[in-house]
Amino acid sequence: MVKKVTSDEALRKEYHTWLRLERGYSPNTIEGYEMDLDKLRTYCQENKLDFVKMDFDQLQAFIFDAFKDIKSEATQARVLAGIHAWFRFLLYKDYIEQDPSELLEGPKKSKHLPTVLTLEEVNRMMDAIDLSTNEGHRNRAMMEMLYGSGLRVSELVNLPLSRIYLNEHYMLIEGKGSKQRLVPLSPVAEEWFGYWMQDRATWPVKPEARDIAFVNRYGRPLTRAMVFTIVRRLCEQAGITKTVSPHTLRHSFATHLLQNGADLRIIQQLLGHEDLATTEIYTHLDVQDLRKAILECHPANFS
């Protein structure tokens, strides 16, 4: 039996709760999906449509209209995922009898090999950190965790002090979908984090950041944008011309492990990937490794 919608606002709140509690999506994913819903809602208001009871043709027209100004395949795929999530929610909660988004198709995301830093480039970035500044030890500890443990930037800025177990040499990380995983701490990361803890004890940490590992100079939690800025400045100072973000360090972590013989499933667990295929795409071998394999293993090169 199809339920009646009491109000748009009540439905939106119910959708938010479903995304957060029943689907376990991260705050960033929820924010993106709700932005997509706002676009759908605006489109329906402009075209006098019911955004709950749309049919396939109406949805297709919306997608065509929405994609006119979106060139990025990844963004198009995200918008489409948000629309699918909305109608799956309506179906699951018995507000509709059939999901009109079921047959919608979007762009297939092309698989690009992401940027990876060499070990020499990583070391140059580490050496570029000015340890004489107030933020020096903090920045070095953050870089060691991004590269040495493969953390996502969101995992780094939200990392609680209470989930860092230095004596046991690991951290309890909460990743995408609130899924938890144990991540080892390298001796180097532990050393620099210890220096940062000594500095942090002298900083004016705000009450809301007492259990946050990394804070800004005002004692508040660091933002993702600030970490991006720190990484990019270090690249400039190290003379690295590649386009680098905190995620580049995560990718470099995985690639270097793979190149040095680590098992792919171990890397999958460290990164918090549900699907091994994601890890296979994420951890690629560079051209020099492929060339070396041909030179050393192909019979045409034997004399």
C-alpha atoms as a PDB file:
ATOM      1  CA  MET A   1       0.000   0.000   0.000  1.00  0.00           C
ATOM      2  CA  VAL A   2       1.417   3.378  -1.041  1.00  0.00           C
ATOM      3  CA  LYS A   3       1.843   5.838   1.844  1.00  0.00           C
ATOM      4  CA  LYS A   4       0.774   9.458   1.607  1.00  0.00           C
ATOM      5  CA  VAL A   5       3.396  12.200   1.852  1.00  0.00           C
ATOM      6  CA  THR A   6       2.553  14.486   4.787  1.00  0.00           C
ATOM      7  CA  SER A   7       4.909  17.348   3.833  1.00  0.00           C
ATOM      8  CA  ASP A   8       8.030  17.949   1.778  1.00  0.00           C
ATOM      9  CA  GLU A   9      10.001  18.948   4.868  1.00  0.00           C
ATOM     10  CA  ALA A  10       9.022  15.825   6.821  1.00  0.00           C
ATOM     11  CA  LEU A  11       9.939  13.673   3.828  1.00  0.00           C
ATOM     12  CA  ARG A  12      13.307  15.371   3.507  1.00  0.00           C
ATOM     13  CA  LYS A  13      14.099  14.757   7.190  1.00  0.00           C
ATOM     14  CA  GLU A  14      13.086  11.102   6.823  1.00  0.00           C
ATOM     15  CA  TYR A  15      15.359  10.820   3.768  1.00  0.00           C
ATOM     16  CA  HIS A  16      18.279  12.327   5.705  1.00  0.00           C
ATOM     17  CA  THR A  17      17.775   9.827   8.542  1.00  0.00           C
ATOM     18  CA  TRP A  18      17.574   6.933   6.053  1.00  0.00           C
ATOM     19  CA  LEU A  19      20.849   7.976   4.391  1.00  0.00           C
ATOM     20  CA  ARG A  20      22.631   8.391   7.720  1.00  0.00           C
ATOM     21  CA  LEU A  21      21.318   5.499   9.807  1.00  0.00           C
ATOM     22  CA  GLU A  22      20.017   2.862   7.428  1.00  0.00           C
ATOM     23  CA  ARG A  23      22.503   3.342   4.588  1.00  0.00           C
ATOM     24  CA  GLY A  24      25.427   4.435   6.759  1.00  0.00           C
ATOM     25  CA  TYR A  25      26.653   7.079   4.302  1.00  0.00           C
ATOM     26  CA  SER A  26      29.316   9.608   5.272  1.00  0.00           C
ATOM     27  CA  PRO A  27      28.367  13.264   5.944  1.00  0.00           C
ATOM     28  CA  ASN A  28      30.018  14.282   2.643  1.00  0.00           C
ATOM     29  CA  THR A  29      27.982  11.747   0.652  1.00  0.00           C
ATOM     30  CA  ILE A  30      24.759  12.780   2.391  1.00  0.00           C
ATOM     31  CA  GLU A  31      25.463  16.439   1.670  1.00  0.00           C
ATOM     32  CA  GLY A  32      26.048  15.627  -2.009  1.00  0.00           C
ATOM     33  CA  TYR A  33      22.867  13.556  -2.311  1.00  0.00           C
ATOM     34  CA  GLU A  34      20.791  16.271  -0.664  1.00  0.00           C
ATOM     35  CA  MET A  35      22.227  18.852  -3.079  1.00  0.00           C
ATOM     36  CA  ASP A  36      21.172  16.587  -5.958  1.00  0.00           C
ATOM     37  CA  LEU A  37      17.696  16.353  -4.463  1.00  0.00           C
ATOM     38  CA  ASP A  38      17.525  20.162  -4.311  1.00  0.00           C
ATOM     39  CA  LYS A  39      18.330  20.302  -8.035  1.00  0.00           C
ATOM     40  CA  LEU A  40      15.600  17.770  -8.783  1.00  0.00           C
ATOM     41  CA  ARG A  41      13.148  19.641  -6.586  1.00  0.00           C
ATOM     42  CA  THR A  42      13.876  22.981  -8.296  1.00  0.00           C
ATOM     43  CA  TYR A  43      13.491  21.390 -11.727  1.00  0.00           C
ATOM     44  CA  CYS A  44      10.125  19.931 -10.738  1.00  0.00           C
ATOM     45  CA  GLN A  45       8.879  23.260  -9.383  1.00  0.00           C
ATOM     46  CA  GLU A  46       9.894  25.030 -12.593  1.00  0.00           C
ATOM     47  CA  ASN A  47       8.168  22.394 -14.736  1.00  0.00           C
ATOM     48  CA  LYS A  48       5.144  21.824 -12.461  1.00  0.00           C
ATOM     49  CA  LEU A  49       6.060  18.208 -11.703  1.00  0.00           C
ATOM     50  CA  ASP A  50       5.713  16.118  -8.553  1.00  0.00           C
ATOM     51  CA  PHE A  51       9.266  15.244  -7.442  1.00  0.00           C
ATOM     52  CA  VAL A  52       7.952  12.142  -5.661  1.00  0.00           C
ATOM     53  CA  LYS A  53       5.856  10.711  -8.500  1.00  0.00           C
ATOM     54  CA  MET A  54       8.046  11.314 -11.550  1.00  0.00           C
ATOM     55  CA  ASP A  55       8.106   8.821 -14.403  1.00  0.00           C
ATOM     56  CA  PHE A  56      11.084   7.606 -16.433  1.00  0.00           C
ATOM     57  CA  ASP A  57      10.644  10.115 -19.278  1.00  0.00           C
ATOM     58  CA  GLN A  58      10.452  13.043 -16.867  1.00  0.00           C
ATOM     59  CA  LEU A  59      13.577  11.847 -15.091  1.00  0.00           C
ATOM     60  CA  GLN A  60      15.432  11.457 -18.362  1.00  0.00           C
ATOM     61  CA  ALA A  61      14.521  15.020 -19.294  1.00  0.00           C
ATOM     62  CA  PHE A  62      15.823  16.218 -15.917  1.00  0.00           C
ATOM     63  CA  ILE A  63      19.130  14.350 -16.367  1.00  0.00           C
ATOM     64  CA  PHE A  64      19.560  15.805 -19.855  1.00  0.00           C
ATOM     65  CA  ASP A  65      18.926  19.302 -18.498  1.00  0.00           C
ATOM     66  CA  ALA A  66      21.197  18.844 -15.460  1.00  0.00           C
ATOM     67  CA  PHE A  67      24.117  17.455 -17.479  1.00  0.00           C
ATOM     68  CA  LYS A  68      24.201  20.387 -19.935  1.00  0.00           C
ATOM     69  CA  ASP A  69      26.314  22.413 -17.499  1.00  0.00           C
ATOM     70  CA  ILE A  70      28.257  19.480 -15.995  1.00  0.00           C
ATOM     71  CA  LYS A  71      31.274  18.393 -18.029  1.00  0.00           C
ATOM     72  CA  SER A  72      32.913  16.162 -15.425  1.00  0.00           C
ATOM     73  CA  GLU A  73      32.003  12.479 -15.813  1.00  0.00           C
ATOM     74  CA  ALA A  74      32.597  11.944 -12.099  1.00  0.00           C
ATOM     75  CA  THR A  75      30.154  14.739 -11.158  1.00  0.00           C
ATOM     76  CA  GLN A  76      27.558  13.435 -13.613  1.00  0.00           C
ATOM     77  CA  ALA A  77      27.862   9.961 -12.093  1.00  0.00           C
ATOM     78  CA  ARG A  78      27.511  11.446  -8.575  1.00  0.00           C
ATOM     79  CA  VAL A  79      24.321  13.314  -9.535  1.00  0.00           C
ATOM     80  CA  LEU A  80      22.897  10.132 -11.026  1.00  0.00           C
ATOM     81  CA  ALA A  81      23.780   8.191  -7.860  1.00  0.00           C
ATOM     82  CA  GLY A  82      21.947  10.816  -5.805  1.00  0.00           C
ATOM     83  CA  ILE A  83      18.816  10.470  -7.944  1.00  0.00           C
ATOM     84  CA  HIS A  84      18.939   6.677  -7.654  1.00  0.00           C
ATOM     85  CA  ALA A  85      19.271   6.979  -3.866  1.00  0.00           C
ATOM     86  CA  TRP A  86      16.212   9.246  -3.642  1.00  0.00           C
ATOM     87  CA  PHE A  87      13.911   6.915  -5.536  1.00  0.00           C
ATOM     88  CA  ARG A  88      15.259   3.829  -3.776  1.00  0.00           C
ATOM     89  CA  PHE A  89      14.342   5.542  -0.513  1.00  0.00           C
ATOM     90  CA  LEU A  90      10.813   6.327  -1.760  1.00  0.00           C
ATOM     91  CA  LEU A  91      10.368   2.723  -2.880  1.00  0.00           C
ATOM     92  CA  TYR A  92      11.788   1.275   0.330  1.00  0.00           C
ATOM     93  CA  LYS A  93       9.509   3.481   2.460  1.00  0.00           C
ATOM     94  CA  ASP A  94       6.413   2.621   0.328  1.00  0.00           C
ATOM     95  CA  TYR A  95       5.880   6.125  -1.042  1.00  0.00           C
ATOM     96  CA  ILE A  96       5.998   4.730  -4.600  1.00  0.00           C
ATOM     97  CA  GLU A  97       5.308   1.307  -6.102  1.00  0.00           C
ATOM     98  CA  GLN A  98       8.007   1.350  -8.773  1.00  0.00           C
ATOM     99  CA  ASP A  99      11.427   2.996  -9.061  1.00  0.00           C
ATOM    100  CA  PRO A 100      11.439   5.172 -12.225  1.00  0.00           C
ATOM    101  CA  SER A 101      15.222   5.677 -11.981  1.00  0.00           C
ATOM    102  CA  GLU A 102      15.952   1.970 -12.331  1.00  0.00           C
ATOM    103  CA  LEU A 103      16.702   2.138 -16.065  1.00  0.00           C
ATOM    104  CA  LEU A 104      18.486   5.497 -16.018  1.00  0.00           C
ATOM    105  CA  GLU A 105      22.011   5.300 -17.378  1.00  0.00           C
ATOM    106  CA  GLY A 106      24.751   7.806 -16.933  1.00  0.00           C
ATOM    107  CA  PRO A 107      28.298   8.173 -18.195  1.00  0.00           C
ATOM    108  CA  LYS A 108      30.702   5.346 -17.539  1.00  0.00           C
ATOM    109  CA  LYS A 109      33.558   6.827 -15.584  1.00  0.00           C
ATOM    110  CA  SER A 110      36.793   6.474 -17.481  1.00  0.00           C
ATOM    111  CA  LYS A 111      39.611   5.020 -15.450  1.00  0.00           C
ATOM    112  CA  HIS A 112      42.564   7.394 -15.266  1.00  0.00           C
ATOM    113  CA  LEU A 113      45.807   6.429 -13.611  1.00  0.00           C
ATOM    114  CA  PRO A 114      46.081   8.810 -10.664  1.00  0.00           C
ATOM    115  CA  THR A 115      49.182  10.854  -9.879  1.00  0.00           C
ATOM    116  CA  VAL A 116      51.790   9.132  -7.739  1.00  0.00           C
ATOM    117  CA  LEU A 117      54.870  10.557  -6.082  1.00  0.00           C
ATOM    118  CA  THR A 118      58.242   8.870  -6.102  1.00  0.00           C
ATOM    119  CA  LEU A 119      59.916   8.132  -2.774  1.00  0.00           C
ATOM    120  CA  GLU A 120      62.427  10.883  -3.552  1.00  0.00           C
ATOM    121  CA  GLU A 121      59.579  13.379  -4.079  1.00  0.00           C
ATOM    122  CA  VAL A 122      57.899  12.338  -0.823  1.00  0.00           C
ATOM    123  CA  ASN A 123      61.198  12.862   1.018  1.00  0.00           C
ATOM    124  CA  ARG A 124      61.600  16.300  -0.578  1.00  0.00           C
ATOM    125  CA  MET A 125      58.137  17.268   0.688  1.00  0.00           C
ATOM    126  CA  MET A 126      58.995  16.062   4.188  1.00  0.00           C
ATOM    127  CA  ASP A 127      62.278  17.990   4.117  1.00  0.00           C
ATOM    128  CA  ALA A 128      60.424  21.147   2.991  1.00  0.00           C
ATOM    129  CA  ILE A 129      58.551  21.326   6.314  1.00  0.00           C
ATOM    130  CA  ASP A 130      59.922  24.159   8.446  1.00  0.00           C
ATOM    131  CA  LEU A 131      60.273  22.576  11.881  1.00  0.00           C
ATOM    132  CA  SER A 132      61.139  25.926  13.463  1.00  0.00           C
ATOM    133  CA  THR A 133      57.540  27.133  13.080  1.00  0.00           C
ATOM    134  CA  ASN A 134      54.766  26.449  15.597  1.00  0.00           C
ATOM    135  CA  GLU A 135      53.025  24.176  13.082  1.00  0.00           C
ATOM    136  CA  GLY A 136      56.169  22.313  11.988  1.00  0.00           C
ATOM    137  CA  HIS A 137      55.848  19.173  14.127  1.00  0.00           C
ATOM    138  CA  ARG A 138      52.098  19.050  13.496  1.00  0.00           C
ATOM    139  CA  ASN A 139      52.554  19.210   9.724  1.00  0.00           C
ATOM    140  CA  ARG A 140      55.272  16.546   9.742  1.00  0.00           C
ATOM    141  CA  ALA A 141      53.123  14.220  11.861  1.00  0.00           C
ATOM    142  CA  MET A 142      50.172  14.746   9.481  1.00  0.00           C
ATOM    143  CA  MET A 143      52.306  14.045   6.413  1.00  0.00           C
ATOM    144  CA  GLU A 144      53.694  10.888   7.992  1.00  0.00           C
ATOM    145  CA  MET A 145      50.146   9.648   8.659  1.00  0.00           C
ATOM    146  CA  LEU A 146      48.884  10.505   5.170  1.00  0.00           C
ATOM    147  CA  TYR A 147      51.802   8.801   3.457  1.00  0.00           C
ATOM    148  CA  GLY A 148      52.803   6.252   6.121  1.00  0.00           C
ATOM    149  CA  SER A 149      49.291   4.955   6.850  1.00  0.00           C
ATOM    150  CA  GLY A 150      47.335   5.861   3.702  1.00  0.00           C
ATOM    151  CA  LEU A 151      44.640   7.877   5.491  1.00  0.00           C
ATOM    152  CA  ARG A 152      41.981   9.828   3.614  1.00  0.00           C
ATOM    153  CA  VAL A 153      42.069  13.545   4.424  1.00  0.00           C
ATOM    154  CA  SER A 154      38.600  13.283   6.034  1.00  0.00           C
ATOM    155  CA  GLU A 155      39.899  10.466   8.256  1.00  0.00           C
ATOM    156  CA  LEU A 156      42.889  12.577   9.255  1.00  0.00           C
ATOM    157  CA  VAL A 157      40.985  15.745  10.235  1.00  0.00           C
ATOM    158  CA  ASN A 158      38.369  13.748  12.183  1.00  0.00           C
ATOM    159  CA  LEU A 159      40.867  11.432  13.893  1.00  0.00           C
ATOM    160  CA  PRO A 160      40.175  11.295  17.668  1.00  0.00           C
ATOM    161  CA  LEU A 161      43.114  11.237  20.075  1.00  0.00           C
ATOM    162  CA  SER A 162      41.337   8.489  21.984  1.00  0.00           C
ATOM    163  CA  ARG A 163      41.632   6.168  18.972  1.00  0.00           C
ATOM    164  CA  ILE A 164      45.403   6.475  18.596  1.00  0.00           C
ATOM    165  CA  TYR A 165      47.075   3.674  20.552  1.00  0.00           C
ATOM    166  CA  LEU A 166      50.790   4.498  20.531  1.00  0.00           C
ATOM    167  CA  ASN A 167      51.767   1.672  22.884  1.00  0.00           C
ATOM    168  CA  GLU A 168      50.039  -0.860  20.614  1.00  0.00           C
ATOM    169  CA  HIS A 169      51.300   0.920  17.435  1.00  0.00           C
ATOM    170  CA  TYR A 170      47.965   1.310  15.657  1.00  0.00           C
ATOM    171  CA  MET A 171      44.976   3.631  15.100  1.00  0.00           C
ATOM    172  CA  LEU A 172      41.281   2.835  14.919  1.00  0.00           C
ATOM    173  CA  ILE A 173      40.088   4.642  11.797  1.00  0.00           C
ATOM    174  CA  GLU A 174      36.458   5.332  10.908  1.00  0.00           C
ATOM    175  CA  GLY A 175      36.195   5.433   7.120  1.00  0.00           C
ATOM    176  CA  LYS A 176      33.436   5.695   4.563  1.00  0.00           C
ATOM    177  CA  GLY A 177      30.020   4.511   5.707  1.00  0.00           C
ATOM    178  CA  SER A 178      31.200   4.643   9.354  1.00  0.00           C
ATOM    179  CA  LYS A 179      33.172   1.434   8.764  1.00  0.00           C
ATOM    180  CA  GLN A 180      36.065   0.970  11.159  1.00  0.00           C
ATOM    181  CA  ARG A 181      39.479  -0.534  10.470  1.00  0.00           C
ATOM    182  CA  LEU A 182      42.753  -0.944  12.345  1.00  0.00           C
ATOM    183  CA  VAL A 183      45.689   0.844  10.718  1.00  0.00           C
ATOM    184  CA  PRO A 184      49.275   0.336  11.941  1.00  0.00           C
ATOM    185  CA  LEU A 185      51.439   3.306  12.874  1.00  0.00           C
ATOM    186  CA  SER A 186      54.981   3.358  11.533  1.00  0.00           C
ATOM    187  CA  PRO A 187      57.813   4.077  13.997  1.00  0.00           C
ATOM    188  CA  VAL A 188      58.543   7.321  12.101  1.00  0.00           C
ATOM    189  CA  ALA A 189      54.911   8.470  12.370  1.00  0.00           C
ATOM    190  CA  GLU A 190      54.895   7.617  16.091  1.00  0.00           C
ATOM    191  CA  GLU A 191      58.061   9.653  16.646  1.00  0.00           C
ATOM    192  CA  TRP A 192      56.746  12.783  14.915  1.00  0.00           C
ATOM    193  CA  PHE A 193      53.327  12.430  16.505  1.00  0.00           C
ATOM    194  CA  GLY A 194      55.053  12.366  19.895  1.00  0.00           C
ATOM    195  CA  TYR A 195      56.787  15.671  19.108  1.00  0.00           C
ATOM    196  CA  TRP A 196      53.434  17.119  18.011  1.00  0.00           C
ATOM    197  CA  MET A 197      51.780  15.965  21.250  1.00  0.00           C
ATOM    198  CA  GLN A 198      54.370  17.931  23.227  1.00  0.00           C
ATOM    199  CA  ASP A 199      53.607  21.062  21.177  1.00  0.00           C
ATOM    200  CA  ARG A 200      49.846  20.483  21.292  1.00  0.00           C
ATOM    201  CA  ALA A 201      49.918  20.490  25.092  1.00  0.00           C
ATOM    202  CA  THR A 202      50.960  24.159  24.960  1.00  0.00           C
ATOM    203  CA  TRP A 203      48.304  25.219  22.416  1.00  0.00           C
ATOM    204  CA  PRO A 204      44.949  26.822  23.402  1.00  0.00           C
ATOM    205  CA  VAL A 205      42.819  23.821  22.400  1.00  0.00           C
ATOM    206  CA  LYS A 206      39.076  24.547  22.404  1.00  0.00           C
ATOM    207  CA  PRO A 207      36.688  22.228  24.311  1.00  0.00           C
ATOM    208  CA  GLU A 208      35.171  20.864  21.088  1.00  0.00           C
ATOM    209  CA  ALA A 209      38.644  19.808  19.880  1.00  0.00           C
ATOM    210  CA  ARG A 210      39.986  18.146  23.020  1.00  0.00           C
ATOM    211  CA  ASP A 211      39.702  14.689  21.471  1.00  0.00           C
ATOM    212  CA  ILE A 212      40.789  15.764  17.978  1.00  0.00           C
ATOM    213  CA  ALA A 213      44.348  14.798  17.050  1.00  0.00           C
ATOM    214  CA  PHE A 214      45.170  17.732  14.763  1.00  0.00           C
ATOM    215  CA  VAL A 215      44.099  21.309  15.453  1.00  0.00           C
ATOM    216  CA  ASN A 216      44.837  24.723  13.949  1.00  0.00           C
ATOM    217  CA  ARG A 217      46.716  27.544  15.676  1.00  0.00           C
ATOM    218  CA  TYR A 218      43.474  28.689  17.325  1.00  0.00           C
ATOM    219  CA  GLY A 219      42.866  25.277  18.885  1.00  0.00           C
ATOM    220  CA  ARG A 220      40.015  24.309  16.590  1.00  0.00           C
ATOM    221  CA  PRO A 221      39.801  21.184  14.384  1.00  0.00           C
ATOM    222  CA  LEU A 222      41.682  21.452  11.097  1.00  0.00           C
ATOM    223  CA  THR A 223      39.595  21.581   7.926  1.00  0.00           C
ATOM    224  CA  ARG A 224      40.095  19.513   4.796  1.00  0.00           C
ATOM    225  CA  ALA A 225      40.805  22.724   2.873  1.00  0.00           C
ATOM    226  CA  MET A 226      43.646  23.617   5.241  1.00  0.00           C
ATOM    227  CA  VAL A 227      45.295  20.217   4.761  1.00  0.00           C
ATOM    228  CA  PHE A 228      45.009  20.642   0.973  1.00  0.00           C
ATOM    229  CA  THR A 229      46.708  24.045   1.295  1.00  0.00           C
ATOM    230  CA  ILE A 230      49.532  22.650   3.449  1.00  0.00           C
ATOM    231  CA  VAL A 231      50.230  19.817   0.992  1.00  0.00           C
ATOM    232  CA  ARG A 232      50.232  22.099  -2.049  1.00  0.00           C
ATOM    233  CA  ARG A 233      52.563  24.623  -0.396  1.00  0.00           C
ATOM    234  CA  LEU A 234      54.996  21.852   0.494  1.00  0.00           C
ATOM    235  CA  CYS A 235      54.957  20.701  -3.138  1.00  0.00           C
ATOM    236  CA  GLU A 236      55.818  24.204  -4.315  1.00  0.00           C
ATOM    237  CA  GLN A 237      58.630  24.489  -1.787  1.00  0.00           C
ATOM    238  CA  ALA A 238      59.946  21.050  -2.799  1.00  0.00           C
ATOM    239  CA  GLY A 239      59.915  21.991  -6.496  1.00  0.00           C
ATOM    240  CA  ILE A 240      57.318  19.343  -7.400  1.00  0.00           C
ATOM    241  CA  THR A 241      55.293  20.365 -10.461  1.00  0.00           C
ATOM    242  CA  LYS A 242      52.787  17.477 -10.386  1.00  0.00           C
ATOM    243  CA  THR A 243      49.195  18.198  -9.368  1.00  0.00           C
ATOM    244  CA  VAL A 244      49.247  16.888  -5.804  1.00  0.00           C
ATOM    245  CA  SER A 245      46.571  16.625  -3.108  1.00  0.00           C
ATOM    246  CA  PRO A 246      46.429  14.744   0.215  1.00  0.00           C
ATOM    247  CA  HIS A 247      44.899  11.834  -1.738  1.00  0.00           C
ATOM    248  CA  THR A 248      48.096  11.640  -3.810  1.00  0.00           C
ATOM    249  CA  LEU A 249      49.944  10.638  -0.651  1.00  0.00           C
ATOM    250  CA  ARG A 250      47.384   7.897  -0.003  1.00  0.00           C
ATOM    251  CA  HIS A 251      47.851   6.631  -3.529  1.00  0.00           C
ATOM    252  CA  SER A 252      51.632   6.807  -3.212  1.00  0.00           C
ATOM    253  CA  PHE A 253      51.404   4.794   0.024  1.00  0.00           C
ATOM    254  CA  ALA A 254      49.497   2.011  -1.730  1.00  0.00           C
ATOM    255  CA  THR A 255      51.622   2.054  -4.886  1.00  0.00           C
ATOM    256  CA  HIS A 256      54.909   1.900  -2.993  1.00  0.00           C
ATOM    257  CA  LEU A 257      53.637  -1.011  -0.899  1.00  0.00           C
ATOM    258  CA  LEU A 258      52.619  -2.888  -4.046  1.00  0.00           C
ATOM    259  CA  GLN A 259      55.923  -2.190  -5.796  1.00  0.00           C
ATOM    260  CA  ASN A 260      57.806  -3.554  -2.803  1.00  0.00           C
ATOM    261  CA  GLY A 261      55.896  -6.832  -2.732  1.00  0.00           C
ATOM    262  CA  ALA A 262      52.946  -6.248  -0.368  1.00  0.00           C
ATOM    263  CA  ASP A 263      49.929  -8.483  -0.945  1.00  0.00           C
ATOM    264  CA  LEU A 264      47.057  -6.727  -2.705  1.00  0.00           C
ATOM    265  CA  ARG A 265      44.525  -7.922  -0.111  1.00  0.00           C
ATOM    266  CA  ILE A 266      46.606  -6.463   2.711  1.00  0.00           C
ATOM    267  CA  ILE A 267      46.665  -3.133   0.873  1.00  0.00           C
ATOM    268  CA  GLN A 268      42.884  -3.402   0.389  1.00  0.00           C
ATOM    269  CA  GLN A 269      42.420  -3.812   4.144  1.00  0.00           C
ATOM    270  CA  LEU A 270      44.773  -0.934   4.980  1.00  0.00           C
ATOM    271  CA  LEU A 271      42.953   1.423   2.588  1.00  0.00           C
ATOM    272  CA  GLY A 272      39.495   0.347   3.745  1.00  0.00           C
ATOM    273  CA  HIS A 273      38.293  -0.697   0.276  1.00  0.00           C
ATOM    274  CA  GLU A 274      35.269  -3.003   0.221  1.00  0.00           C
ATOM    275  CA  ASP A 275      35.996  -4.278  -3.276  1.00  0.00           C
ATOM    276  CA  LEU A 276      39.409  -5.634  -4.303  1.00  0.00           C
ATOM    277  CA  ALA A 277      38.784  -4.266  -7.813  1.00  0.00           C
ATOM    278  CA  THR A 278      38.967  -0.748  -6.377  1.00  0.00           C
ATOM    279  CA  THR A 279      42.404  -1.514  -4.970  1.00  0.00           C
ATOM    280  CA  GLU A 280      43.551  -2.992  -8.268  1.00  0.00           C
ATOM    281  CA  ILE A 281      42.669   0.257 -10.053  1.00  0.00           C
ATOM    282  CA  TYR A 282      44.055   2.390  -7.255  1.00  0.00           C
ATOM    283  CA  THR A 283      47.434   0.676  -7.070  1.00  0.00           C
ATOM    284  CA  HIS A 284      48.962   0.674 -10.508  1.00  0.00           C
ATOM    285  CA  LEU A 285      52.504  -0.076 -11.610  1.00  0.00           C
ATOM    286  CA  ASP A 286      54.235   2.724 -13.465  1.00  0.00           C
ATOM    287  CA  VAL A 287      55.595   2.496 -17.005  1.00  0.00           C
ATOM    288  CA  GLN A 288      59.136   1.795 -15.820  1.00  0.00           C
ATOM    289  CA  ASP A 289      57.979  -1.308 -13.931  1.00  0.00           C
ATOM    290  CA  LEU A 290      56.109  -2.569 -17.000  1.00  0.00           C
ATOM    291  CA  ARG A 291      59.130  -1.943 -19.231  1.00  0.00           C
ATOM    292  CA  LYS A 292      61.409  -3.711 -16.746  1.00  0.00           C
ATOM    293  CA  ALA A 293      59.104  -6.762 -16.725  1.00  0.00           C
ATOM    294  CA  ILE A 294      59.263  -7.015 -20.539  1.00  0.00           C
ATOM    295  CA  LEU A 295      63.051  -6.599 -20.661  1.00  0.00           C
ATOM    296  CA  GLU A 296      63.626  -9.193 -17.960  1.00  0.00           C
ATOM    297  CA  CYS A 297      60.934 -11.746 -18.790  1.00  0.00           C
ATOM    298  CA  HIS A 298      60.063 -11.662 -22.498  1.00  0.00           C
ATOM    299  CA  PRO A 299      61.958 -14.387 -24.489  1.00  0.00           C
ATOM    300  CA  ALA A 300      62.568 -12.011 -27.423  1.00  0.00           C
ATOM    301  CA  ASN A 301      65.023 -10.131 -25.229  1.00  0.00           C
ATOM    302  CA  PHE A 302      67.097 -13.196 -24.313  1.00  0.00           C
ATOM    303  CA  SER A 303      70.381 -13.636 -26.191  1.00  0.00           C
END
